[in-house]
Full PDB file with SEQRES, HELIX, SHEET, SSBOND, CRYST1, ORIGX, SCALE, CONECT and MASTER records, all heavy atoms in Angstrom:
SEQRES   1 A   38  TRP ILE ILE LEU LEU PRO LEU VAL ASN PHE PHE ILE THR          
SEQRES   2 A   38  GLN THR LEU GLN VAL TYR LEU LYS THR HIS LEU THR TYR          
SEQRES   3 A   38  SER ASN LEU THR GLN SER LYS LEU PHE LEU SER THR              
HELIX    1 AA1 ILE A    2  LEU A    4  5                                   3    
HELIX    2 AA2 LEU A    5  TYR A   19  1                                  15    
HELIX    3 AA3 LYS A   21  HIS A   23  5                                   3    
HELIX    4 AA4 TYR A   26  ASN A   28  5                                   3    
HELIX    5 AA5 LYS A   33  SER A   37  1                                   5    
CRYST1    1.000    1.000    1.000  90.00  90.00  90.00 P 1           1          
ORIGX1      1.000000  0.000000  0.000000        0.00000                         
ORIGX2      0.000000  1.000000  0.000000        0.00000                         
ORIGX3      0.000000  0.000000  1.000000        0.00000                         
SCALE1      1.000000  0.000000  0.000000        0.00000                         
SCALE2      0.000000  1.000000  0.000000        0.00000                         
SCALE3      0.000000  0.000000  1.000000        0.00000                         
ATOM      1  N   TRP A   1       0.816  -1.219  -0.003  1.00  0.00           N  
ATOM      2  CA  TRP A   1       0.000   0.003   0.000  1.00  0.00           C  
ATOM      3  C   TRP A   1       0.846   1.268  -0.003  1.00  0.00           C  
ATOM      4  O   TRP A   1       0.338   2.363  -0.292  1.00  0.00           O  
ATOM      5  CB  TRP A   1      -0.939   0.007   1.195  1.00  0.00           C  
ATOM      6  CG  TRP A   1      -2.082  -0.961   1.080  1.00  0.00           C  
ATOM      7  CD1 TRP A   1      -2.202  -2.169   1.707  1.00  0.00           C  
ATOM      8  CD2 TRP A   1      -3.238  -0.823   0.263  1.00  0.00           C  
ATOM      9  NE1 TRP A   1      -3.362  -2.793   1.334  1.00  0.00           N  
ATOM     10  CE2 TRP A   1      -4.029  -1.993   0.439  1.00  0.00           C  
ATOM     11  CE3 TRP A   1      -3.702   0.165  -0.616  1.00  0.00           C  
ATOM     12  CZ2 TRP A   1      -5.246  -2.173  -0.217  1.00  0.00           C  
ATOM     13  CZ3 TRP A   1      -4.905  -0.027  -1.266  1.00  0.00           C  
ATOM     14  CH2 TRP A   1      -5.657  -1.183  -1.063  1.00  0.00           C  
ATOM     15  N   ILE A   2       2.140   1.139   0.293  1.00  0.00           N  
ATOM     16  CA  ILE A   2       3.031   2.317   0.308  1.00  0.00           C  
ATOM     17  C   ILE A   2       3.083   2.976  -1.060  1.00  0.00           C  
ATOM     18  O   ILE A   2       3.395   4.173  -1.188  1.00  0.00           O  
ATOM     19  CB  ILE A   2       4.452   1.901   0.781  1.00  0.00           C  
ATOM     20  CG1 ILE A   2       5.321   3.129   1.057  1.00  0.00           C  
ATOM     21  CG2 ILE A   2       5.115   0.999  -0.244  1.00  0.00           C  
ATOM     22  CD1 ILE A   2       4.849   3.939   2.225  1.00  0.00           C  
ATOM     23  N   ILE A   3       2.749   2.228  -2.123  1.00  0.00           N  
ATOM     24  CA  ILE A   3       2.795   2.770  -3.491  1.00  0.00           C  
ATOM     25  C   ILE A   3       1.759   3.878  -3.678  1.00  0.00           C  
ATOM     26  O   ILE A   3       1.856   4.695  -4.616  1.00  0.00           O  
ATOM     27  CB  ILE A   3       2.576   1.628  -4.516  1.00  0.00           C  
ATOM     28  CG1 ILE A   3       3.057   2.076  -5.899  1.00  0.00           C  
ATOM     29  CG2 ILE A   3       1.109   1.227  -4.563  1.00  0.00           C  
ATOM     30  CD1 ILE A   3       3.053   0.966  -6.929  1.00  0.00           C  
ATOM     31  N   LEU A   4       0.780   3.941  -2.794  1.00  0.00           N  
ATOM     32  CA  LEU A   4      -0.248   4.983  -2.883  1.00  0.00           C  
ATOM     33  C   LEU A   4       0.235   6.329  -2.359  1.00  0.00           C  
ATOM     34  O   LEU A   4      -0.428   7.352  -2.578  1.00  0.00           O  
ATOM     35  CB  LEU A   4      -1.496   4.567  -2.114  1.00  0.00           C  
ATOM     36  CG  LEU A   4      -2.259   3.344  -2.637  1.00  0.00           C  
ATOM     37  CD1 LEU A   4      -3.466   3.053  -1.752  1.00  0.00           C  
ATOM     38  CD2 LEU A   4      -2.711   3.581  -4.079  1.00  0.00           C  
ATOM     39  N   LEU A   5       1.385   6.366  -1.684  1.00  0.00           N  
ATOM     40  CA  LEU A   5       1.870   7.612  -1.096  1.00  0.00           C  
ATOM     41  C   LEU A   5       2.092   8.706  -2.146  1.00  0.00           C  
ATOM     42  O   LEU A   5       1.658   9.856  -1.948  1.00  0.00           O  
ATOM     43  CB  LEU A   5       3.154   7.346  -0.305  1.00  0.00           C  
ATOM     44  CG  LEU A   5       3.719   8.524   0.495  1.00  0.00           C  
ATOM     45  CD1 LEU A   5       2.675   9.016   1.511  1.00  0.00           C  
ATOM     46  CD2 LEU A   5       4.996   8.119   1.207  1.00  0.00           C  
ATOM     47  N   PRO A   6       2.756   8.412  -3.296  1.00  0.00           N  
ATOM     48  CA  PRO A   6       2.895   9.463  -4.331  1.00  0.00           C  
ATOM     49  C   PRO A   6       1.547   9.964  -4.843  1.00  0.00           C  
ATOM     50  O   PRO A   6       1.419  11.151  -5.169  1.00  0.00           O  
ATOM     51  CB  PRO A   6       3.695   8.765  -5.436  1.00  0.00           C  
ATOM     52  CG  PRO A   6       4.414   7.656  -4.755  1.00  0.00           C  
ATOM     53  CD  PRO A   6       3.492   7.202  -3.662  1.00  0.00           C  
ATOM     54  N   LEU A   7       0.559   9.073  -4.931  1.00  0.00           N  
ATOM     55  CA  LEU A   7      -0.767   9.492  -5.395  1.00  0.00           C  
ATOM     56  C   LEU A   7      -1.399  10.476  -4.411  1.00  0.00           C  
ATOM     57  O   LEU A   7      -2.070  11.440  -4.794  1.00  0.00           O  
ATOM     58  CB  LEU A   7      -1.685   8.287  -5.579  1.00  0.00           C  
ATOM     59  CG  LEU A   7      -1.266   7.279  -6.662  1.00  0.00           C  
ATOM     60  CD1 LEU A   7      -2.235   6.112  -6.704  1.00  0.00           C  
ATOM     61  CD2 LEU A   7      -1.196   7.970  -8.020  1.00  0.00           C  
ATOM     62  N   VAL A   8      -1.189  10.207  -3.117  1.00  0.00           N  
ATOM     63  CA  VAL A   8      -1.696  11.119  -2.089  1.00  0.00           C  
ATOM     64  C   VAL A   8      -1.023  12.477  -2.210  1.00  0.00           C  
ATOM     65  O   VAL A   8      -1.667  13.531  -2.154  1.00  0.00           O  
ATOM     66  CB  VAL A   8      -1.467  10.517  -0.677  1.00  0.00           C  
ATOM     67  CG1 VAL A   8      -1.835  11.519   0.401  1.00  0.00           C  
ATOM     68  CG2 VAL A   8      -2.276   9.244  -0.498  1.00  0.00           C  
ATOM     69  N   ASN A   9       0.312  12.474  -2.395  1.00  0.00           N  
ATOM     70  CA  ASN A   9       1.047  13.725  -2.570  1.00  0.00           C  
ATOM     71  C   ASN A   9       0.574  14.487  -3.799  1.00  0.00           C  
ATOM     72  O   ASN A   9       0.447  15.725  -3.793  1.00  0.00           O  
ATOM     73  CB  ASN A   9       2.545  13.444  -2.685  1.00  0.00           C  
ATOM     74  CG  ASN A   9       3.149  12.929  -1.389  1.00  0.00           C  
ATOM     75  OD1 ASN A   9       2.632  13.207  -0.296  1.00  0.00           O  
ATOM     76  ND2 ASN A   9       4.226  12.161  -1.489  1.00  0.00           N  
ATOM     77  N   PHE A  10       0.325  13.765  -4.895  1.00  0.00           N  
ATOM     78  CA  PHE A  10      -0.154  14.387  -6.126  1.00  0.00           C  
ATOM     79  C   PHE A  10      -1.510  15.058  -5.891  1.00  0.00           C  
ATOM     80  O   PHE A  10      -1.734  16.197  -6.302  1.00  0.00           O  
ATOM     81  CB  PHE A  10      -0.271  13.331  -7.240  1.00  0.00           C  
ATOM     82  CG  PHE A  10      -0.716  13.894  -8.564  1.00  0.00           C  
ATOM     83  CD1 PHE A  10       0.215  14.348  -9.497  1.00  0.00           C  
ATOM     84  CD2 PHE A  10      -2.067  13.983  -8.883  1.00  0.00           C  
ATOM     85  CE1 PHE A  10      -0.196  14.864 -10.724  1.00  0.00           C  
ATOM     86  CE2 PHE A  10      -2.497  14.496 -10.087  1.00  0.00           C  
ATOM     87  CZ  PHE A  10      -1.549  14.949 -11.019  1.00  0.00           C  
ATOM     88  N   PHE A  11      -2.395  14.342  -5.214  1.00  0.00           N  
ATOM     89  CA  PHE A  11      -3.742  14.873  -4.947  1.00  0.00           C  
ATOM     90  C   PHE A  11      -3.657  16.129  -4.078  1.00  0.00           C  
ATOM     91  O   PHE A  11      -4.349  17.122  -4.340  1.00  0.00           O  
ATOM     92  CB  PHE A  11      -4.579  13.809  -4.255  1.00  0.00           C  
ATOM     93  CG  PHE A  11      -5.938  14.286  -3.819  1.00  0.00           C  
ATOM     94  CD1 PHE A  11      -6.962  14.423  -4.726  1.00  0.00           C  
ATOM     95  CD2 PHE A  11      -6.168  14.614  -2.485  1.00  0.00           C  
ATOM     96  CE1 PHE A  11      -8.220  14.875  -4.324  1.00  0.00           C  
ATOM     97  CE2 PHE A  11      -7.403  15.076  -2.079  1.00  0.00           C  
ATOM     98  CZ  PHE A  11      -8.438  15.210  -3.000  1.00  0.00           C  
ATOM     99  N   ILE A  12      -2.806  16.109  -3.055  1.00  0.00           N  
ATOM    100  CA  ILE A  12      -2.667  17.266  -2.165  1.00  0.00           C  
ATOM    101  C   ILE A  12      -2.131  18.471  -2.936  1.00  0.00           C  
ATOM    102  O   ILE A  12      -2.637  19.586  -2.825  1.00  0.00           O  
ATOM    103  CB  ILE A  12      -1.734  16.930  -0.975  1.00  0.00           C  
ATOM    104  CG1 ILE A  12      -2.404  15.904  -0.052  1.00  0.00           C  
ATOM    105  CG2 ILE A  12      -1.359  18.185  -0.197  1.00  0.00           C  
ATOM    106  CD1 ILE A  12      -1.498  15.365   1.037  1.00  0.00           C  
ATOM    107  N   THR A  13      -1.098  18.253  -3.749  1.00  0.00           N  
ATOM    108  CA  THR A  13      -0.494  19.352  -4.517  1.00  0.00           C  
ATOM    109  C   THR A  13      -1.485  19.942  -5.508  1.00  0.00           C  
ATOM    110  O   THR A  13      -1.599  21.163  -5.646  1.00  0.00           O  
ATOM    111  CB  THR A  13       0.762  18.857  -5.254  1.00  0.00           C  
ATOM    112  OG1 THR A  13       1.602  18.140  -4.355  1.00  0.00           O  
ATOM    113  CG2 THR A  13       1.546  20.014  -5.832  1.00  0.00           C  
ATOM    114  N   GLN A  14      -2.194  19.084  -6.229  1.00  0.00           N  
ATOM    115  CA  GLN A  14      -3.160  19.544  -7.207  1.00  0.00           C  
ATOM    116  C   GLN A  14      -4.310  20.304  -6.552  1.00  0.00           C  
ATOM    117  O   GLN A  14      -4.758  21.359  -7.050  1.00  0.00           O  
ATOM    118  CB  GLN A  14      -3.710  18.336  -7.992  1.00  0.00           C  
ATOM    119  CG  GLN A  14      -4.559  18.679  -9.200  1.00  0.00           C  
ATOM    120  CD  GLN A  14      -3.746  19.298 -10.331  1.00  0.00           C  
ATOM    121  OE1 GLN A  14      -2.534  19.101 -10.413  1.00  0.00           O  
ATOM    122  NE2 GLN A  14      -4.390  20.066 -11.189  1.00  0.00           N  
ATOM    123  N   THR A  15      -4.784  19.792  -5.414  1.00  0.00           N  
ATOM    124  CA  THR A  15      -5.873  20.447  -4.699  1.00  0.00           C  
ATOM    125  C   THR A  15      -5.463  21.836  -4.213  1.00  0.00           C  
ATOM    126  O   THR A  15      -6.232  22.804  -4.305  1.00  0.00           O  
ATOM    127  CB  THR A  15      -6.331  19.580  -3.514  1.00  0.00           C  
ATOM    128  OG1 THR A  15      -6.733  18.298  -3.997  1.00  0.00           O  
ATOM    129  CG2 THR A  15      -7.487  20.220  -2.774  1.00  0.00           C  
ATOM    130  N   LEU A  16      -4.252  21.954  -3.673  1.00  0.00           N  
ATOM    131  CA  LEU A  16      -3.759  23.239  -3.203  1.00  0.00           C  
ATOM    132  C   LEU A  16      -3.652  24.243  -4.344  1.00  0.00           C  
ATOM    133  O   LEU A  16      -3.963  25.439  -4.186  1.00  0.00           O  
ATOM    134  CB  LEU A  16      -2.391  23.069  -2.512  1.00  0.00           C  
ATOM    135  CG  LEU A  16      -2.414  22.424  -1.124  1.00  0.00           C  
ATOM    136  CD1 LEU A  16      -0.997  22.150  -0.658  1.00  0.00           C  
ATOM    137  CD2 LEU A  16      -3.142  23.332  -0.125  1.00  0.00           C  
ATOM    138  N   GLN A  17      -3.237  23.776  -5.502  1.00  0.00           N  
ATOM    139  CA  GLN A  17      -3.121  24.680  -6.665  1.00  0.00           C  
ATOM    140  C   GLN A  17      -4.488  25.193  -7.099  1.00  0.00           C  
ATOM    141  O   GLN A  17      -4.644  26.369  -7.442  1.00  0.00           O  
ATOM    142  CB  GLN A  17      -2.451  23.957  -7.837  1.00  0.00           C  
ATOM    143  CG  GLN A  17      -0.959  23.727  -7.620  1.00  0.00           C  
ATOM    144  CD  GLN A  17      -0.308  23.137  -8.840  1.00  0.00           C  
ATOM    145  OE1 GLN A  17       0.150  23.862  -9.725  1.00  0.00           O  
ATOM    146  NE2 GLN A  17      -0.268  21.824  -8.900  1.00  0.00           N  
ATOM    147  N   VAL A  18      -5.467  24.313  -7.095  1.00  0.00           N  
ATOM    148  CA  VAL A  18      -6.822  24.724  -7.467  1.00  0.00           C  
ATOM    149  C   VAL A  18      -7.357  25.734  -6.452  1.00  0.00           C  
ATOM    150  O   VAL A  18      -7.956  26.764  -6.824  1.00  0.00           O  
ATOM    151  CB  VAL A  18      -7.751  23.493  -7.551  1.00  0.00           C  
ATOM    152  CG1 VAL A  18      -9.208  23.931  -7.729  1.00  0.00           C  
ATOM    153  CG2 VAL A  18      -7.330  22.587  -8.692  1.00  0.00           C  
ATOM    154  N   TYR A  19      -7.127  25.486  -5.195  1.00  0.00           N  
ATOM    155  CA  TYR A  19      -7.642  26.348  -4.134  1.00  0.00           C  
ATOM    156  C   TYR A  19      -6.933  27.700  -4.112  1.00  0.00           C  
ATOM    157  O   TYR A  19      -7.557  28.734  -3.857  1.00  0.00           O  
ATOM    158  CB  TYR A  19      -7.475  25.640  -2.789  1.00  0.00           C  
ATOM    159  CG  TYR A  19      -7.993  26.429  -1.615  1.00  0.00           C  
ATOM    160  CD1 TYR A  19      -9.365  26.585  -1.407  1.00  0.00           C  
ATOM    161  CD2 TYR A  19      -7.120  27.021  -0.716  1.00  0.00           C  
ATOM    162  CE1 TYR A  19      -9.843  27.321  -0.328  1.00  0.00           C  
ATOM    163  CE2 TYR A  19      -7.587  27.765   0.366  1.00  0.00           C  
ATOM    164  CZ  TYR A  19      -8.946  27.895   0.544  1.00  0.00           C  
ATOM    165  OH  TYR A  19      -9.414  28.635   1.609  1.00  0.00           O  
ATOM    166  N   LEU A  20      -5.599  27.719  -4.418  1.00  0.00           N  
ATOM    167  CA  LEU A  20      -4.801  28.944  -4.335  1.00  0.00           C  
ATOM    168  C   LEU A  20      -4.501  29.537  -5.707  1.00  0.00           C  
ATOM    169  O   LEU A  20      -3.572  30.341  -5.849  1.00  0.00           O  
ATOM    170  CB  LEU A  20      -3.472  28.645  -3.603  1.00  0.00           C  
ATOM    171  CG  LEU A  20      -3.583  28.123  -2.163  1.00  0.00           C  
ATOM    172  CD1 LEU A  20      -2.223  27.665  -1.665  1.00  0.00           C  
ATOM    173  CD2 LEU A  20      -4.143  29.211  -1.245  1.00  0.00           C  
ATOM    174  N   LYS A  21      -5.280  29.150  -6.697  1.00  0.00           N  
ATOM    175  CA  LYS A  21      -4.974  29.495  -8.097  1.00  0.00           C  
ATOM    176  C   LYS A  21      -4.705  30.979  -8.304  1.00  0.00           C  
ATOM    177  O   LYS A  21      -3.740  31.377  -8.989  1.00  0.00           O  
ATOM    178  CB  LYS A  21      -6.123  29.037  -8.981  1.00  0.00           C  
ATOM    179  CG  LYS A  21      -5.861  29.223 -10.469  1.00  0.00           C  
ATOM    180  CD  LYS A  21      -7.009  28.651 -11.280  1.00  0.00           C  
ATOM    181  CE  LYS A  21      -6.729  28.786 -12.777  1.00  0.00           C  
ATOM    182  NZ  LYS A  21      -7.834  28.222 -13.593  1.00  0.00           N  
ATOM    183  N   THR A  22      -5.499  31.837  -7.715  1.00  0.00           N  
ATOM    184  CA  THR A  22      -5.348  33.284  -7.932  1.00  0.00           C  
ATOM    185  C   THR A  22      -4.176  33.869  -7.163  1.00  0.00           C  
ATOM    186  O   THR A  22      -3.796  35.024  -7.404  1.00  0.00           O  
ATOM    187  CB  THR A  22      -6.640  34.010  -7.511  1.00  0.00           C  
ATOM    188  OG1 THR A  22      -6.912  33.725  -6.134  1.00  0.00           O  
ATOM    189  CG2 THR A  22      -7.825  33.563  -8.365  1.00  0.00           C  
ATOM    190  N   HIS A  23      -3.582  33.089  -6.268  1.00  0.00           N  
ATOM    191  CA  HIS A  23      -2.456  33.599  -5.451  1.00  0.00           C  
ATOM    192  C   HIS A  23      -1.109  33.056  -5.914  1.00  0.00           C  
ATOM    193  O   HIS A  23      -0.104  33.303  -5.253  1.00  0.00           O  
ATOM    194  CB  HIS A  23      -2.669  33.215  -3.983  1.00  0.00           C  
ATOM    195  CG  HIS A  23      -3.950  33.731  -3.396  1.00  0.00           C  
ATOM    196  ND1 HIS A  23      -4.127  35.035  -2.993  1.00  0.00           N  
ATOM    197  CD2 HIS A  23      -5.144  33.106  -3.178  1.00  0.00           C  
ATOM    198  CE1 HIS A  23      -5.354  35.204  -2.523  1.00  0.00           C  
ATOM    199  NE2 HIS A  23      -5.990  34.047  -2.642  1.00  0.00           N  
ATOM    200  N   LEU A  24      -1.087  32.306  -7.007  1.00  0.00           N  
ATOM    201  CA  LEU A  24       0.139  31.646  -7.468  1.00  0.00           C  
ATOM    202  C   LEU A  24       0.660  32.299  -8.738  1.00  0.00           C  
ATOM    203  O   LEU A  24      -0.110  32.775  -9.584  1.00  0.00           O  
ATOM    204  CB  LEU A  24      -0.099  30.170  -7.723  1.00  0.00           C  
ATOM    205  CG  LEU A  24      -0.624  29.319  -6.564  1.00  0.00           C  
ATOM    206  CD1 LEU A  24      -0.854  27.878  -7.007  1.00  0.00           C  
ATOM    207  CD2 LEU A  24       0.322  29.355  -5.374  1.00  0.00           C  
ATOM    208  N   THR A  25       1.982  32.315  -8.877  1.00  0.00           N  
ATOM    209  CA  THR A  25       2.611  32.751 -10.120  1.00  0.00           C  
ATOM    210  C   THR A  25       3.713  31.757 -10.472  1.00  0.00           C  
ATOM    211  O   THR A  25       4.693  31.615  -9.737  1.00  0.00           O  
ATOM    212  CB  THR A  25       3.188  34.176 -10.021  1.00  0.00           C  
ATOM    213  OG1 THR A  25       3.921  34.463 -11.196  1.00  0.00           O  
ATOM    214  CG2 THR A  25       4.060  34.359  -8.787  1.00  0.00           C  
ATOM    215  N   TYR A  26       3.548  31.046 -11.568  1.00  0.00           N  
ATOM    216  CA  TYR A  26       4.466  29.955 -11.925  1.00  0.00           C  
ATOM    217  C   TYR A  26       5.792  30.479 -12.475  1.00  0.00           C  
ATOM    218  O   TYR A  26       6.778  29.755 -12.512  1.00  0.00           O  
ATOM    219  CB  TYR A  26       3.790  29.040 -12.946  1.00  0.00           C  
ATOM    220  CG  TYR A  26       2.635  28.252 -12.364  1.00  0.00           C  
ATOM    221  CD1 TYR A  26       1.322  28.687 -12.524  1.00  0.00           C  
ATOM    222  CD2 TYR A  26       2.867  27.111 -11.624  1.00  0.00           C  
ATOM    223  CE1 TYR A  26       0.265  27.998 -11.968  1.00  0.00           C  
ATOM    224  CE2 TYR A  26       1.812  26.400 -11.072  1.00  0.00           C  
ATOM    225  CZ  TYR A  26       0.508  26.850 -11.231  1.00  0.00           C  
ATOM    226  OH  TYR A  26      -0.528  26.159 -10.668  1.00  0.00           O  
ATOM    227  N   SER A  27       5.812  31.754 -12.858  1.00  0.00           N  
ATOM    228  CA  SER A  27       7.070  32.320 -13.373  1.00  0.00           C  
ATOM    229  C   SER A  27       8.115  32.465 -12.293  1.00  0.00           C  
ATOM    230  O   SER A  27       9.314  32.601 -12.584  1.00  0.00           O  
ATOM    231  CB  SER A  27       6.783  33.685 -14.017  1.00  0.00           C  
ATOM    232  OG  SER A  27       6.274  34.586 -13.028  1.00  0.00           O  
ATOM    233  N   ASN A  28       7.687  32.415 -11.024  1.00  0.00           N  
ATOM    234  CA  ASN A  28       8.636  32.525  -9.909  1.00  0.00           C  
ATOM    235  C   ASN A  28       9.493  31.283  -9.758  1.00  0.00           C  
ATOM    236  O   ASN A  28      10.562  31.320  -9.137  1.00  0.00           O  
ATOM    237  CB  ASN A  28       7.906  32.782  -8.597  1.00  0.00           C  
ATOM    238  CG  ASN A  28       7.298  34.166  -8.537  1.00  0.00           C  
ATOM    239  OD1 ASN A  28       7.671  35.026  -9.338  1.00  0.00           O  
ATOM    240  ND2 ASN A  28       6.355  34.365  -7.615  1.00  0.00           N  
ATOM    241  N   LEU A  29       9.019  30.144 -10.285  1.00  0.00           N  
ATOM    242  CA  LEU A  29       9.718  28.877 -10.067  1.00  0.00           C  
ATOM    243  C   LEU A  29      10.692  28.622 -11.202  1.00  0.00           C  
ATOM    244  O   LEU A  29      10.321  28.152 -12.284  1.00  0.00           O  
ATOM    245  CB  LEU A  29       8.714  27.734  -9.959  1.00  0.00           C  
ATOM    246  CG  LEU A  29       9.306  26.380  -9.530  1.00  0.00           C  
ATOM    247  CD1 LEU A  29       9.849  26.465  -8.107  1.00  0.00           C  
ATOM    248  CD2 LEU A  29       8.240  25.298  -9.595  1.00  0.00           C  
ATOM    249  N   THR A  30      11.947  28.946 -10.989  1.00  0.00           N  
ATOM    250  CA  THR A  30      12.983  28.724 -12.008  1.00  0.00           C  
ATOM    251  C   THR A  30      13.860  27.530 -11.667  1.00  0.00           C  
ATOM    252  O   THR A  30      14.659  27.094 -12.488  1.00  0.00           O  
ATOM    253  CB  THR A  30      13.855  29.977 -12.131  1.00  0.00           C  
ATOM    254  OG1 THR A  30      14.429  30.261 -10.844  1.00  0.00           O  
ATOM    255  CG2 THR A  30      13.031  31.168 -12.580  1.00  0.00           C  
ATOM    256  N   GLN A  31      13.720  26.984 -10.437  1.00  0.00           N  
ATOM    257  CA  GLN A  31      14.561  25.862 -10.018  1.00  0.00           C  
ATOM    258  C   GLN A  31      14.198  24.595 -10.820  1.00  0.00           C  
ATOM    259  O   GLN A  31      13.066  24.447 -11.274  1.00  0.00           O  
ATOM    260  CB  GLN A  31      14.410  25.568  -8.528  1.00  0.00           C  
ATOM    261  CG  GLN A  31      15.092  26.567  -7.618  1.00  0.00           C  
ATOM    262  CD  GLN A  31      14.234  27.800  -7.391  1.00  0.00           C  
ATOM    263  OE1 GLN A  31      13.141  27.892  -7.953  1.00  0.00           O  
ATOM    264  NE2 GLN A  31      14.738  28.752  -6.622  1.00  0.00           N  
ATOM    265  N   SER A  32      15.184  23.714 -10.955  1.00  0.00           N  
ATOM    266  CA  SER A  32      14.980  22.453 -11.678  1.00  0.00           C  
ATOM    267  C   SER A  32      14.010  21.555 -10.913  1.00  0.00           C  
ATOM    268  O   SER A  32      14.217  21.236  -9.743  1.00  0.00           O  
ATOM    269  CB  SER A  32      16.313  21.728 -11.856  1.00  0.00           C  
ATOM    270  OG  SER A  32      16.087  20.416 -12.313  1.00  0.00           O  
ATOM    271  N   LYS A  33      12.947  21.157 -11.587  1.00  0.00           N  
ATOM    272  CA  LYS A  33      11.965  20.266 -10.949  1.00  0.00           C  
ATOM    273  C   LYS A  33      12.540  18.881 -10.744  1.00  0.00           C  
ATOM    274  O   LYS A  33      12.177  18.166  -9.809  1.00  0.00           O  
ATOM    275  CB  LYS A  33      10.694  20.225 -11.795  1.00  0.00           C  
ATOM    276  CG  LYS A  33      10.013  21.575 -11.960  1.00  0.00           C  
ATOM    277  CD  LYS A  33       8.789  21.472 -12.822  1.00  0.00           C  
ATOM    278  CE  LYS A  33       8.193  22.847 -13.086  1.00  0.00           C  
ATOM    279  NZ  LYS A  33       9.098  23.738 -13.838  1.00  0.00           N  
ATOM    280  N   LEU A  34      13.429  18.459 -11.642  1.00  0.00           N  
ATOM    281  CA  LEU A  34      14.094  17.160 -11.488  1.00  0.00           C  
ATOM    282  C   LEU A  34      14.942  17.133 -10.225  1.00  0.00           C  
ATOM    283  O   LEU A  34      14.915  16.165  -9.462  1.00  0.00           O  
ATOM    284  CB  LEU A  34      14.948  16.865 -12.721  1.00  0.00           C  
ATOM    285  CG  LEU A  34      15.816  15.593 -12.647  1.00  0.00           C  
ATOM    286  CD1 LEU A  34      14.916  14.366 -12.482  1.00  0.00           C  
ATOM    287  CD2 LEU A  34      16.683  15.455 -13.896  1.00  0.00           C  
ATOM    288  N   PHE A  35      15.680  18.214  -9.981  1.00  0.00           N  
ATOM    289  CA  PHE A  35      16.519  18.296  -8.792  1.00  0.00           C  
ATOM    290  C   PHE A  35      15.670  18.253  -7.527  1.00  0.00           C  
ATOM    291  O   PHE A  35      15.971  17.527  -6.575  1.00  0.00           O  
ATOM    292  CB  PHE A  35      17.354  19.585  -8.846  1.00  0.00           C  
ATOM    293  CG  PHE A  35      18.225  19.792  -7.641  1.00  0.00           C  
ATOM    294  CD1 PHE A  35      19.393  19.038  -7.447  1.00  0.00           C  
ATOM    295  CD2 PHE A  35      17.889  20.725  -6.665  1.00  0.00           C  
ATOM    296  CE1 PHE A  35      20.196  19.225  -6.330  1.00  0.00           C  
ATOM    297  CE2 PHE A  35      18.670  20.906  -5.540  1.00  0.00           C  
ATOM    298  CZ  PHE A  35      19.837  20.157  -5.381  1.00  0.00           C  
ATOM    299  N   LEU A  36      14.581  19.040  -7.517  1.00  0.00           N  
ATOM    300  CA  LEU A  36      13.707  19.063  -6.359  1.00  0.00           C  
ATOM    301  C   LEU A  36      13.089  17.688  -6.089  1.00  0.00           C  
ATOM    302  O   LEU A  36      13.033  17.222  -4.953  1.00  0.00           O  
ATOM    303  CB  LEU A  36      12.589  20.085  -6.566  1.00  0.00           C  
ATOM    304  CG  LEU A  36      12.973  21.562  -6.475  1.00  0.00           C  
ATOM    305  CD1 LEU A  36      11.788  22.432  -6.856  1.00  0.00           C  
ATOM    306  CD2 LEU A  36      13.438  21.905  -5.064  1.00  0.00           C  
ATOM    307  N   SER A  37      12.621  17.059  -7.155  1.00  0.00           N  
ATOM    308  CA  SER A  37      12.003  15.727  -7.006  1.00  0.00           C  
ATOM    309  C   SER A  37      12.998  14.709  -6.460  1.00  0.00           C  
ATOM    310  O   SER A  37      12.658  13.902  -5.589  1.00  0.00           O  
ATOM    311  CB  SER A  37      11.465  15.240  -8.350  1.00  0.00           C  
ATOM    312  OG  SER A  37      10.488  16.121  -8.836  1.00  0.00           O  
ATOM    313  N   THR A  38      14.221  14.757  -6.954  1.00  0.00           N  
ATOM    314  CA  THR A  38      15.253  13.807  -6.522  1.00  0.00           C  
ATOM    315  C   THR A  38      15.578  13.980  -5.047  1.00  0.00           C  
ATOM    316  O   THR A  38      15.637  13.012  -4.281  1.00  0.00           O  
ATOM    317  CB  THR A  38      16.528  13.957  -7.369  1.00  0.00           C  
ATOM    318  OG1 THR A  38      16.199  13.783  -8.741  1.00  0.00           O  
ATOM    319  CG2 THR A  38      17.565  12.924  -6.959  1.00  0.00           C  
TER     320      THR A  38                                                      
MASTER        0    0    0    5    0    0    0    6  319    1    0    3          
END                                                                             
């Protein structure tokens, strides 16, 4: 069941983006997403 952990993280991140949509600016994120994920 541990394999469901990334799905939970995905759901939380997506939900937060929907809820905070008007308060976010994606141009601020210049860091490598691969590096952060690793």
